[in-house]
Amino acid sequence: MTQTKIEVGEQAPSFTLPDENEQPISIDDLRGKWVVLYFYPKDNTPGCTTEACEFTDNLAQFEQLDAVVMGCSPDNADRHRKFIAKHQLKITLLSDTDHEIMERYGAWGEKNMYGKITEGVIRSTVLIDPAGKVAHHWRRVRAAGHADSVRKKLAALR
């Protein structure tokens, strides 16, 4: 499978996905705001928990920058609700159970884990500007400290 490339300046791929409450969230409805869309492999795993908690801890700063933060994984809404409750998360979590949107955003593909090639979620983040264009793309990220890097990039681009 070839991985989709997301390019800065392109229109972000349109989508509608269910959130943790099974309510549809459409990227098109968020025009006029900055959107931080981060992709992560699985709820309640160490790296994913670190990343979600850091985005939650920085949420007020993102909101001051007129940004919405959304995480996206293949987990279903029920798993997302449990993850949110366990860690008191304040961010929106989207379910892409068939990984169709992740594929369109270059967040699904081959990964090398400890020398073994597997296919799955590539931890990555796309920053979308108020016009719906890709402002920045982190293709592969480390969870710890990533939210702060995104916040700094957003502040610099505004």
N, C-alpha and C. Protein backbone atom coordinates (compact mmCIF):
# COMPACT_ATOMS: atom_id res chain seq x y z
N MET A 1 0.83 -1.18 0.00
CA MET A 1 0.00 0.00 0.00
C MET A 1 0.88 1.24 0.00
N THR A 2 0.56 2.21 -0.84
CA THR A 2 1.32 3.45 -0.86
C THR A 2 0.69 4.42 0.12
N GLN A 3 1.56 5.10 0.82
CA GLN A 3 1.08 6.05 1.83
C GLN A 3 0.76 7.38 1.17
N THR A 4 -0.37 7.95 1.52
CA THR A 4 -0.78 9.25 1.02
C THR A 4 0.13 10.32 1.59
N LYS A 5 0.47 11.27 0.76
CA LYS A 5 1.29 12.40 1.22
C LYS A 5 0.38 13.60 1.42
N ILE A 6 0.47 14.20 2.58
CA ILE A 6 -0.24 15.43 2.88
C ILE A 6 0.77 16.55 2.69
N GLU A 7 0.42 17.54 1.89
CA GLU A 7 1.36 18.62 1.62
C GLU A 7 0.87 19.95 2.19
N VAL A 8 1.79 20.71 2.74
CA VAL A 8 1.48 22.04 3.26
C VAL A 8 0.94 22.89 2.11
N GLY A 9 -0.12 23.62 2.39
CA GLY A 9 -0.74 24.49 1.39
C GLY A 9 -1.91 23.85 0.66
N GLU A 10 -2.00 22.52 0.71
CA GLU A 10 -3.13 21.82 0.09
C GLU A 10 -4.37 21.93 0.97
N GLN A 11 -5.52 21.75 0.34
CA GLN A 11 -6.76 21.65 1.10
C GLN A 11 -6.70 20.35 1.91
N ALA A 12 -7.03 20.44 3.19
CA ALA A 12 -7.05 19.23 4.03
C ALA A 12 -8.19 18.33 3.56
N PRO A 13 -7.96 17.03 3.49
CA PRO A 13 -9.04 16.13 3.07
C PRO A 13 -10.28 16.28 3.96
N SER A 14 -11.42 16.35 3.32
CA SER A 14 -12.69 16.50 4.03
C SER A 14 -13.07 15.17 4.69
N PHE A 15 -13.71 15.26 5.85
CA PHE A 15 -14.19 14.04 6.50
C PHE A 15 -15.26 14.37 7.52
N THR A 16 -16.02 13.36 7.86
CA THR A 16 -16.93 13.39 9.00
C THR A 16 -16.72 12.07 9.74
N LEU A 17 -16.40 12.17 11.03
CA LEU A 17 -16.18 10.98 11.87
C LEU A 17 -16.94 11.15 13.18
N PRO A 18 -17.31 10.03 13.80
CA PRO A 18 -17.97 10.12 15.10
C PRO A 18 -16.98 10.43 16.21
N ASP A 19 -17.43 11.26 17.18
CA ASP A 19 -16.59 11.54 18.34
C ASP A 19 -16.88 10.51 19.43
N GLU A 20 -16.37 10.78 20.62
CA GLU A 20 -16.52 9.83 21.73
C GLU A 20 -17.98 9.66 22.17
N ASN A 21 -18.84 10.62 21.80
CA ASN A 21 -20.27 10.51 22.11
C ASN A 21 -21.08 10.05 20.91
N GLU A 22 -20.39 9.57 19.89
CA GLU A 22 -20.99 9.08 18.64
C GLU A 22 -21.71 10.19 17.87
N GLN A 23 -21.28 11.43 18.12
CA GLN A 23 -21.81 12.58 17.37
C GLN A 23 -20.89 12.83 16.18
N PRO A 24 -21.45 13.08 15.00
CA PRO A 24 -20.61 13.31 13.83
C PRO A 24 -19.87 14.65 13.91
N ILE A 25 -18.59 14.62 13.66
CA ILE A 25 -17.76 15.83 13.60
C ILE A 25 -17.25 15.94 12.18
N SER A 26 -17.55 17.08 11.56
CA SER A 26 -17.09 17.31 10.18
C SER A 26 -16.01 18.38 10.19
N ILE A 27 -14.91 18.09 9.54
CA ILE A 27 -13.83 19.07 9.45
C ILE A 27 -14.32 20.34 8.76
N ASP A 28 -15.26 20.21 7.85
CA ASP A 28 -15.78 21.38 7.14
C ASP A 28 -16.53 22.33 8.08
N ASP A 29 -17.10 21.81 9.15
CA ASP A 29 -17.82 22.65 10.11
C ASP A 29 -16.87 23.47 10.99
N LEU A 30 -15.59 23.16 10.93
CA LEU A 30 -14.61 23.85 11.77
C LEU A 30 -13.87 24.96 11.03
N ARG A 31 -14.31 25.25 9.81
CA ARG A 31 -13.70 26.36 9.07
C ARG A 31 -13.78 27.63 9.91
N GLY A 32 -12.75 28.44 9.83
CA GLY A 32 -12.70 29.66 10.63
C GLY A 32 -11.90 29.47 11.91
N LYS A 33 -11.56 28.22 12.22
CA LYS A 33 -10.72 27.91 13.39
C LYS A 33 -9.49 27.14 12.92
N TRP A 34 -8.46 27.21 13.73
CA TRP A 34 -7.31 26.33 13.53
C TRP A 34 -7.70 24.96 14.07
N VAL A 35 -7.24 23.90 13.43
CA VAL A 35 -7.54 22.54 13.89
C VAL A 35 -6.23 21.78 14.04
N VAL A 36 -6.03 21.23 15.23
CA VAL A 36 -4.93 20.31 15.49
C VAL A 36 -5.55 18.93 15.42
N LEU A 37 -5.17 18.16 14.41
CA LEU A 37 -5.69 16.81 14.22
C LEU A 37 -4.52 15.86 14.39
N TYR A 38 -4.53 15.16 15.52
CA TYR A 38 -3.42 14.23 15.75
C TYR A 38 -3.92 12.79 15.72
N PHE A 39 -3.09 11.95 15.15
CA PHE A 39 -3.41 10.53 14.96
C PHE A 39 -2.55 9.71 15.92
N TYR A 40 -3.19 8.76 16.58
CA TYR A 40 -2.48 7.94 17.56
C TYR A 40 -2.99 6.50 17.48
N PRO A 41 -2.16 5.53 17.87
CA PRO A 41 -2.52 4.13 17.68
C PRO A 41 -3.64 3.58 18.55
N LYS A 42 -3.62 3.83 19.88
CA LYS A 42 -4.55 3.08 20.73
C LYS A 42 -4.75 3.78 22.07
N ASP A 43 -6.02 3.86 22.49
CA ASP A 43 -6.34 4.42 23.80
C ASP A 43 -5.68 3.61 24.91
N ASN A 44 -5.31 4.32 25.98
CA ASN A 44 -4.79 3.72 27.20
C ASN A 44 -3.48 2.97 27.05
N THR A 45 -2.68 3.32 26.04
CA THR A 45 -1.32 2.80 25.95
C THR A 45 -0.40 3.93 26.42
N PRO A 46 0.81 3.62 26.86
CA PRO A 46 1.65 4.64 27.49
C PRO A 46 1.88 5.91 26.63
N GLY A 47 2.34 5.75 25.41
CA GLY A 47 2.61 6.92 24.57
C GLY A 47 1.36 7.70 24.24
N CYS A 48 0.30 6.99 23.95
CA CYS A 48 -0.96 7.66 23.59
C CYS A 48 -1.56 8.39 24.78
N THR A 49 -1.39 7.83 25.97
CA THR A 49 -1.87 8.50 27.18
C THR A 49 -1.06 9.76 27.43
N THR A 50 0.26 9.67 27.30
CA THR A 50 1.12 10.84 27.46
C THR A 50 0.70 11.96 26.52
N GLU A 51 0.52 11.61 25.25
CA GLU A 51 0.17 12.61 24.24
C GLU A 51 -1.20 13.25 24.54
N ALA A 52 -2.20 12.44 24.85
CA ALA A 52 -3.54 12.96 25.13
C ALA A 52 -3.53 13.84 26.38
N CYS A 53 -2.81 13.45 27.40
CA CYS A 53 -2.74 14.24 28.63
C CYS A 53 -2.02 15.56 28.38
N GLU A 54 -0.96 15.55 27.58
CA GLU A 54 -0.26 16.80 27.27
C GLU A 54 -1.15 17.75 26.45
N PHE A 55 -1.89 17.23 25.50
CA PHE A 55 -2.82 18.10 24.76
C PHE A 55 -3.89 18.65 25.69
N THR A 56 -4.39 17.83 26.61
CA THR A 56 -5.38 18.29 27.58
C THR A 56 -4.78 19.38 28.48
N ASP A 57 -3.56 19.16 28.97
CA ASP A 57 -2.91 20.13 29.85
C ASP A 57 -2.68 21.47 29.14
N ASN A 58 -2.48 21.45 27.83
CA ASN A 58 -2.23 22.66 27.04
C ASN A 58 -3.49 23.22 26.38
N LEU A 59 -4.65 22.61 26.65
CA LEU A 59 -5.87 22.96 25.90
C LEU A 59 -6.22 24.44 26.01
N ALA A 60 -6.11 25.03 27.19
CA ALA A 60 -6.45 26.46 27.34
C ALA A 60 -5.57 27.32 26.44
N GLN A 61 -4.31 26.97 26.31
CA GLN A 61 -3.41 27.74 25.44
C GLN A 61 -3.80 27.56 23.97
N PHE A 62 -4.20 26.36 23.58
CA PHE A 62 -4.67 26.14 22.21
C PHE A 62 -5.94 26.95 21.95
N GLU A 63 -6.84 26.96 22.92
CA GLU A 63 -8.09 27.71 22.76
C GLU A 63 -7.83 29.20 22.64
N GLN A 64 -6.84 29.71 23.37
CA GLN A 64 -6.47 31.13 23.26
C GLN A 64 -5.95 31.44 21.85
N LEU A 65 -5.41 30.44 21.19
CA LEU A 65 -4.92 30.60 19.81
C LEU A 65 -6.01 30.26 18.79
N ASP A 66 -7.26 30.15 19.25
CA ASP A 66 -8.43 29.86 18.41
C ASP A 66 -8.30 28.51 17.71
N ALA A 67 -7.80 27.52 18.46
CA ALA A 67 -7.59 26.19 17.88
C ALA A 67 -8.44 25.14 18.60
N VAL A 68 -8.88 24.16 17.82
CA VAL A 68 -9.58 22.98 18.30
C VAL A 68 -8.60 21.82 18.23
N VAL A 69 -8.54 21.00 19.28
CA VAL A 69 -7.64 19.85 19.31
C VAL A 69 -8.47 18.58 19.25
N MET A 70 -8.15 17.72 18.28
CA MET A 70 -8.86 16.45 18.13
C MET A 70 -7.85 15.32 17.92
N GLY A 71 -8.03 14.25 18.68
CA GLY A 71 -7.25 13.05 18.47
C GLY A 71 -8.06 12.07 17.65
N CYS A 72 -7.40 11.22 16.89
CA CYS A 72 -8.09 10.24 16.04
C CYS A 72 -7.35 8.92 16.11
N SER A 73 -8.09 7.86 16.37
CA SER A 73 -7.52 6.51 16.39
C SER A 73 -8.55 5.53 15.86
N PRO A 74 -8.15 4.27 15.68
CA PRO A 74 -9.11 3.25 15.23
C PRO A 74 -10.06 2.78 16.33
N ASP A 75 -9.85 3.23 17.57
CA ASP A 75 -10.71 2.80 18.67
C ASP A 75 -12.14 3.31 18.50
N ASN A 76 -13.10 2.57 19.04
CA ASN A 76 -14.51 2.98 18.94
C ASN A 76 -14.86 3.99 20.04
N ALA A 77 -16.06 4.54 19.96
CA ALA A 77 -16.51 5.58 20.88
C ALA A 77 -16.50 5.09 22.33
N ASP A 78 -16.88 3.86 22.58
CA ASP A 78 -16.90 3.33 23.93
C ASP A 78 -15.50 3.34 24.55
N ARG A 79 -14.52 2.89 23.79
CA ARG A 79 -13.13 2.92 24.28
C ARG A 79 -12.68 4.35 24.54
N HIS A 80 -13.05 5.26 23.63
CA HIS A 80 -12.69 6.67 23.81
C HIS A 80 -13.29 7.23 25.10
N ARG A 81 -14.56 6.92 25.36
CA ARG A 81 -15.21 7.43 26.59
C ARG A 81 -14.48 6.92 27.84
N LYS A 82 -14.09 5.66 27.84
CA LYS A 82 -13.37 5.09 28.98
C LYS A 82 -12.00 5.76 29.15
N PHE A 83 -11.33 6.01 28.02
CA PHE A 83 -10.01 6.66 28.02
C PHE A 83 -10.15 8.09 28.58
N ILE A 84 -11.16 8.81 28.13
CA ILE A 84 -11.40 10.18 28.59
C ILE A 84 -11.69 10.19 30.09
N ALA A 85 -12.55 9.29 30.54
CA ALA A 85 -12.92 9.24 31.96
C ALA A 85 -11.72 8.88 32.82
N LYS A 86 -10.94 7.91 32.42
CA LYS A 86 -9.80 7.44 33.21
C LYS A 86 -8.76 8.53 33.41
N HIS A 87 -8.56 9.37 32.39
CA HIS A 87 -7.48 10.37 32.44
C HIS A 87 -7.99 11.81 32.48
N GLN A 88 -9.30 12.00 32.66
CA GLN A 88 -9.92 13.33 32.70
C GLN A 88 -9.51 14.18 31.49
N LEU A 89 -9.58 13.58 30.32
CA LEU A 89 -9.20 14.28 29.09
C LEU A 89 -10.28 15.30 28.73
N LYS A 90 -9.84 16.40 28.12
CA LYS A 90 -10.77 17.46 27.74
C LYS A 90 -10.76 17.70 26.23
N ILE A 91 -10.13 16.80 25.50
CA ILE A 91 -10.05 16.94 24.05
C ILE A 91 -11.07 16.01 23.39
N THR A 92 -11.41 16.30 22.16
CA THR A 92 -12.32 15.47 21.38
C THR A 92 -11.53 14.31 20.78
N LEU A 93 -12.10 13.11 20.85
CA LEU A 93 -11.48 11.93 20.26
C LEU A 93 -12.39 11.38 19.17
N LEU A 94 -11.83 11.20 17.99
CA LEU A 94 -12.58 10.71 16.84
C LEU A 94 -12.28 9.23 16.60
N SER A 95 -13.30 8.51 16.11
CA SER A 95 -13.15 7.09 15.79
C SER A 95 -13.08 6.89 14.29
N ASP A 96 -11.98 6.31 13.84
CA ASP A 96 -11.80 5.96 12.43
C ASP A 96 -11.53 4.46 12.38
N THR A 97 -12.58 3.68 12.69
CA THR A 97 -12.42 2.24 12.87
C THR A 97 -11.96 1.52 11.61
N ASP A 98 -12.28 2.05 10.43
CA ASP A 98 -11.83 1.40 9.19
C ASP A 98 -10.58 2.08 8.61
N HIS A 99 -10.02 3.01 9.35
CA HIS A 99 -8.80 3.79 9.04
C HIS A 99 -8.81 4.46 7.67
N GLU A 100 -9.99 4.73 7.14
CA GLU A 100 -10.10 5.39 5.83
C GLU A 100 -9.54 6.82 5.88
N ILE A 101 -9.88 7.56 6.92
CA ILE A 101 -9.41 8.95 7.03
C ILE A 101 -7.92 8.97 7.35
N MET A 102 -7.48 8.07 8.21
CA MET A 102 -6.04 7.99 8.51
C MET A 102 -5.24 7.75 7.24
N GLU A 103 -5.74 6.89 6.38
CA GLU A 103 -5.05 6.64 5.10
C GLU A 103 -4.98 7.91 4.27
N ARG A 104 -6.08 8.68 4.24
CA ARG A 104 -6.11 9.92 3.45
C ARG A 104 -5.17 10.98 4.01
N TYR A 105 -4.90 10.92 5.31
CA TYR A 105 -4.01 11.88 5.96
C TYR A 105 -2.58 11.36 6.13
N GLY A 106 -2.29 10.22 5.52
CA GLY A 106 -0.93 9.68 5.61
C GLY A 106 -0.59 9.13 6.98
N ALA A 107 -1.60 8.82 7.78
CA ALA A 107 -1.39 8.35 9.15
C ALA A 107 -1.60 6.84 9.29
N TRP A 108 -1.68 6.14 8.19
CA TRP A 108 -1.82 4.68 8.22
C TRP A 108 -0.85 4.13 7.20
N GLY A 109 -0.05 3.17 7.60
CA GLY A 109 0.90 2.58 6.65
C GLY A 109 1.89 1.68 7.35
N GLU A 110 2.99 1.42 6.65
CA GLU A 110 4.02 0.54 7.20
C GLU A 110 4.79 1.23 8.31
N LYS A 111 5.03 0.44 9.37
CA LYS A 111 5.83 0.92 10.50
C LYS A 111 6.86 -0.15 10.82
N ASN A 112 7.98 0.29 11.34
CA ASN A 112 9.02 -0.63 11.77
C ASN A 112 9.08 -0.58 13.30
N MET A 113 8.57 -1.64 13.91
CA MET A 113 8.57 -1.72 15.38
C MET A 113 9.55 -2.81 15.80
N TYR A 114 10.66 -2.38 16.38
CA TYR A 114 11.68 -3.32 16.87
C TYR A 114 12.13 -4.28 15.78
N GLY A 115 12.31 -3.76 14.58
CA GLY A 115 12.80 -4.57 13.47
C GLY A 115 11.73 -5.33 12.71
N LYS A 116 10.49 -5.27 13.18
CA LYS A 116 9.40 -5.98 12.53
C LYS A 116 8.54 -4.98 11.76
N ILE A 117 8.31 -5.25 10.48
CA ILE A 117 7.47 -4.37 9.65
C ILE A 117 6.01 -4.74 9.88
N THR A 118 5.22 -3.77 10.27
CA THR A 118 3.78 -3.97 10.47
C THR A 118 3.04 -2.84 9.77
N GLU A 119 1.73 -3.00 9.66
CA GLU A 119 0.90 -1.94 9.11
C GLU A 119 0.00 -1.43 10.22
N GLY A 120 -0.10 -0.12 10.34
CA GLY A 120 -0.94 0.43 11.39
C GLY A 120 -0.89 1.94 11.41
N VAL A 121 -1.32 2.50 12.54
CA VAL A 121 -1.37 3.95 12.70
C VAL A 121 0.04 4.50 12.85
N ILE A 122 0.32 5.54 12.09
CA ILE A 122 1.58 6.27 12.20
C ILE A 122 1.27 7.51 13.04
N ARG A 123 1.90 7.59 14.21
CA ARG A 123 1.66 8.74 15.08
C ARG A 123 2.11 10.00 14.35
N SER A 124 1.16 10.85 14.04
CA SER A 124 1.45 12.05 13.26
C SER A 124 0.40 13.11 13.58
N THR A 125 0.66 14.34 13.14
CA THR A 125 -0.25 15.44 13.42
C THR A 125 -0.33 16.35 12.21
N VAL A 126 -1.54 16.84 11.94
CA VAL A 126 -1.76 17.80 10.87
C VAL A 126 -2.37 19.06 11.50
N LEU A 127 -1.76 20.20 11.21
CA LEU A 127 -2.29 21.49 11.64
C LEU A 127 -3.01 22.11 10.44
N ILE A 128 -4.29 22.39 10.63
CA ILE A 128 -5.13 22.89 9.54
C ILE A 128 -5.51 24.34 9.85
N ASP A 129 -5.33 25.22 8.87
CA ASP A 129 -5.61 26.64 9.11
C ASP A 129 -7.10 26.94 8.98
N PRO A 130 -7.51 28.17 9.32
CA PRO A 130 -8.94 28.50 9.29
C PRO A 130 -9.58 28.40 7.90
N ALA A 131 -8.78 28.42 6.84
CA ALA A 131 -9.31 28.27 5.48
C ALA A 131 -9.43 26.80 5.07
N GLY A 132 -9.02 25.89 5.97
CA GLY A 132 -9.11 24.46 5.67
C GLY A 132 -7.90 23.90 4.95
N LYS A 133 -6.80 24.65 4.94
CA LYS A 133 -5.58 24.19 4.27
C LYS A 133 -4.58 23.65 5.30
N VAL A 134 -3.76 22.72 4.85
CA VAL A 134 -2.72 22.15 5.71
C VAL A 134 -1.66 23.23 5.94
N ALA A 135 -1.48 23.60 7.21
CA ALA A 135 -0.48 24.61 7.57
C ALA A 135 0.84 23.97 7.97
N HIS A 136 0.77 22.77 8.54
CA HIS A 136 1.99 22.04 8.92
C HIS A 136 1.64 20.56 9.09
N HIS A 137 2.62 19.71 8.83
CA HIS A 137 2.40 18.26 8.98
C HIS A 137 3.61 17.65 9.66
N TRP A 138 3.38 17.08 10.82
CA TRP A 138 4.41 16.30 11.50
C TRP A 138 4.17 14.85 11.08
N ARG A 139 5.05 14.29 10.27
CA ARG A 139 4.83 12.97 9.67
C ARG A 139 5.02 11.81 10.65
N ARG A 140 5.93 11.95 11.56
CA ARG A 140 6.16 10.93 12.59
C ARG A 140 6.61 11.66 13.83
N VAL A 141 5.93 11.42 14.94
CA VAL A 141 6.24 12.17 16.15
C VAL A 141 6.45 11.25 17.34
N ARG A 142 7.15 11.79 18.32
CA ARG A 142 7.26 11.15 19.63
C ARG A 142 6.20 11.80 20.51
N ALA A 143 5.54 11.01 21.30
CA ALA A 143 4.42 11.52 22.10
C ALA A 143 4.85 12.59 23.10
N ALA A 144 5.87 12.30 23.89
CA ALA A 144 6.28 13.22 24.95
C ALA A 144 6.79 14.53 24.37
N GLY A 145 6.19 15.63 24.80
CA GLY A 145 6.61 16.95 24.36
C GLY A 145 6.00 17.42 23.05
N HIS A 146 5.26 16.56 22.38
CA HIS A 146 4.73 16.92 21.06
C HIS A 146 3.69 18.04 21.14
N ALA A 147 2.81 18.00 22.12
CA ALA A 147 1.76 19.02 22.23
C ALA A 147 2.38 20.42 22.33
N ASP A 148 3.47 20.54 23.06
CA ASP A 148 4.13 21.83 23.20
C ASP A 148 4.73 22.28 21.87
N SER A 149 5.30 21.35 21.11
CA SER A 149 5.84 21.68 19.79
C SER A 149 4.73 22.18 18.86
N VAL A 150 3.58 21.53 18.91
CA VAL A 150 2.45 21.93 18.07
C VAL A 150 1.97 23.33 18.48
N ARG A 151 1.87 23.55 19.77
CA ARG A 151 1.43 24.87 20.27
C ARG A 151 2.38 25.98 19.80
N LYS A 152 3.67 25.73 19.88
CA LYS A 152 4.65 26.73 19.45
C LYS A 152 4.55 27.00 17.95
N LYS A 153 4.37 25.95 17.16
CA LYS A 153 4.23 26.13 15.70
C LYS A 153 2.96 26.91 15.39
N LEU A 154 1.87 26.58 16.06
CA LEU A 154 0.61 27.28 15.86
C LEU A 154 0.78 28.78 16.18
N ALA A 155 1.41 29.07 17.32
CA ALA A 155 1.62 30.47 17.71
C ALA A 155 2.46 31.21 16.67
N ALA A 156 3.44 30.54 16.09
CA ALA A 156 4.31 31.16 15.10
C ALA A 156 3.58 31.41 13.77
N LEU A 157 2.64 30.55 13.43
CA LEU A 157 1.94 30.65 12.14
C LEU A 157 0.76 31.63 12.17
N ARG A 158 0.25 31.95 13.33
CA ARG A 158 -0.95 32.79 13.43
C ARG A 158 -0.65 34.22 13.05
